[in-house]
């Protein structure tokens, strides 16, 4: 399954949407590599990207929310904290020899959680910011 920033996922905020596109590009590159039997080689740069991404992107979202007094910032930030912790747990569970199919599936499922968050919560943030 390829991830695309469709209208359904766009927030209307250029920074947030650009960063979501970066996420989808990295995840799609990993999935493409897996479909070619090259998932083990592609996992390390993707994991590094994802760990850096959640720190950078979540920070950007939270700064925008704080600056604009987004009313649901506490719950949104808590999702970010929990999501990041779980991502680190998933990454730390991947064996040094490389990911198994199960590891890749777990990572993909966790990415799907983020896409659902984008579809629901980030859309709310975008609507709030666009209404200011």
Protein backbone atom coordinates (compact mmCIF):
# COMPACT_ATOMS: atom_id res chain seq x y z
CA UNK A 1 0.00 0.00 0.00
CA UNK A 2 1.41 3.37 -0.99
CA UNK A 3 0.81 6.47 1.06
CA UNK A 4 -0.19 9.68 -0.68
CA UNK A 5 -1.08 13.10 0.64
CA UNK A 6 -4.61 13.19 -0.74
CA UNK A 7 -7.12 15.98 -0.12
CA UNK A 8 -8.46 13.81 2.69
CA UNK A 9 -5.08 14.06 4.43
CA UNK A 10 -4.13 17.66 3.64
CA UNK A 11 -4.33 20.03 6.59
CA UNK A 12 -4.08 23.23 4.59
CA UNK A 13 -0.95 24.24 6.50
CA UNK A 14 2.04 24.33 4.13
CA UNK A 15 4.61 23.30 6.77
CA UNK A 16 2.61 20.39 8.11
CA UNK A 17 1.59 19.14 4.66
CA UNK A 18 5.16 19.38 3.31
CA UNK A 19 6.44 17.34 6.23
CA UNK A 20 3.69 14.76 5.79
CA UNK A 21 4.77 14.40 2.13
CA UNK A 22 8.35 13.77 3.32
CA UNK A 23 7.06 11.03 5.62
CA UNK A 24 5.10 9.36 2.85
CA UNK A 25 8.09 9.49 0.47
CA UNK A 26 10.34 7.75 3.00
CA UNK A 27 7.79 5.09 3.90
CA UNK A 28 6.94 4.43 0.25
CA UNK A 29 10.65 4.04 -0.53
CA UNK A 30 10.92 1.41 2.21
CA UNK A 31 7.82 -0.42 0.97
CA UNK A 32 9.17 -0.34 -2.60
CA UNK A 33 12.47 -1.78 -1.39
CA UNK A 34 10.62 -4.51 0.49
CA UNK A 35 8.64 -5.46 -2.60
CA UNK A 36 11.96 -5.92 -4.42
CA UNK A 37 13.42 -8.02 -1.60
CA UNK A 38 15.66 -5.16 -0.46
CA UNK A 39 13.86 -4.24 2.75
CA UNK A 40 16.76 -5.15 5.02
CA UNK A 41 19.07 -2.76 3.20
CA UNK A 42 16.52 0.05 3.23
CA UNK A 43 15.36 -0.25 6.83
CA UNK A 44 18.27 1.53 8.53
CA UNK A 45 18.01 4.85 6.65
CA UNK A 46 14.22 4.74 6.94
CA UNK A 47 14.36 4.18 10.69
CA UNK A 48 16.84 7.03 11.09
CA UNK A 49 14.53 9.25 9.05
CA UNK A 50 11.46 8.24 11.08
CA UNK A 51 13.12 8.90 14.42
CA UNK A 52 14.40 12.28 13.25
CA UNK A 53 11.07 13.03 11.59
CA UNK A 54 8.90 12.49 14.65
CA UNK A 55 11.14 14.75 16.72
CA UNK A 56 11.21 17.52 14.11
CA UNK A 57 7.67 17.28 12.81
CA UNK A 58 5.94 16.85 16.15
CA UNK A 59 7.93 19.79 17.48
CA UNK A 60 6.78 21.95 14.54
CA UNK A 61 3.15 20.96 15.07
CA UNK A 62 3.33 21.65 18.79
CA UNK A 63 4.97 25.05 18.24
CA UNK A 64 2.18 26.02 15.83
CA UNK A 65 -0.45 24.81 18.27
CA UNK A 66 1.09 26.64 21.22
CA UNK A 67 1.62 29.86 19.27
CA UNK A 68 -2.01 29.81 18.09
CA UNK A 69 -3.48 28.57 21.39
CA UNK A 70 -4.91 25.37 19.94
CA UNK A 71 -7.46 24.15 22.51
CA UNK A 72 -6.61 20.43 22.21
CA UNK A 73 -2.83 20.80 22.44
CA UNK A 74 -2.42 18.65 25.57
CA UNK A 75 -4.09 15.58 24.05
CA UNK A 76 -2.30 16.13 20.74
CA UNK A 77 1.07 16.35 22.45
CA UNK A 78 0.30 13.24 24.52
CA UNK A 79 -0.34 11.32 21.29
CA UNK A 80 3.04 12.51 20.01
CA UNK A 81 4.82 11.36 23.18
CA UNK A 82 3.13 7.95 23.16
CA UNK A 83 3.65 7.48 19.43
CA UNK A 84 7.35 8.35 19.64
CA UNK A 85 7.89 6.01 22.59
CA UNK A 86 6.20 3.13 20.74
CA UNK A 87 8.21 3.86 17.58
CA UNK A 88 11.44 3.65 19.58
CA UNK A 89 10.29 0.35 21.13
CA UNK A 90 9.57 -1.06 17.67
CA UNK A 91 12.93 0.12 16.34
CA UNK A 92 14.82 -1.26 19.35
CA UNK A 93 13.16 -4.66 18.85
CA UNK A 94 14.50 -5.00 15.30
CA UNK A 95 17.42 -7.44 15.37
CA UNK A 96 20.90 -6.23 14.41
CA UNK A 97 20.86 -8.73 11.52
CA UNK A 98 17.96 -6.83 10.01
CA UNK A 99 14.19 -6.79 10.17
CA UNK A 100 11.99 -9.80 9.78
CA UNK A 101 8.78 -9.66 7.79
CA UNK A 102 7.02 -9.40 11.14
CA UNK A 103 9.19 -6.41 12.14
CA UNK A 104 8.36 -4.63 8.89
CA UNK A 105 4.67 -5.39 9.38
CA UNK A 106 4.75 -3.98 12.91
CA UNK A 107 6.50 -0.84 11.69
CA UNK A 108 4.00 -0.44 8.84
CA UNK A 109 1.08 -0.85 11.25
CA UNK A 110 2.55 1.85 13.46
CA UNK A 111 2.92 4.15 10.47
CA UNK A 112 -0.75 3.48 9.67
CA UNK A 113 -1.60 4.76 13.17
CA UNK A 114 0.17 8.00 12.28
CA UNK A 115 -1.73 8.27 9.01
CA UNK A 116 -5.00 7.89 10.93
CA UNK A 117 -3.81 10.62 13.31
CA UNK A 118 -3.12 12.86 10.29
CA UNK A 119 -6.56 12.12 8.85
CA UNK A 120 -8.35 13.03 12.09
CA UNK A 121 -6.34 15.10 14.55
CA UNK A 122 -3.96 16.94 12.22
CA UNK A 123 -6.92 17.88 10.01
CA UNK A 124 -8.53 19.46 13.09
CA UNK A 125 -5.33 21.41 13.79
CA UNK A 126 -5.22 22.58 10.18
CA UNK A 127 -8.84 23.69 10.27
CA UNK A 128 -8.20 25.57 13.50
CA UNK A 129 -5.07 27.26 12.14
CA UNK A 130 -6.80 28.12 8.86
CA UNK A 131 -9.69 29.68 10.74
CA UNK A 132 -7.38 32.12 12.54
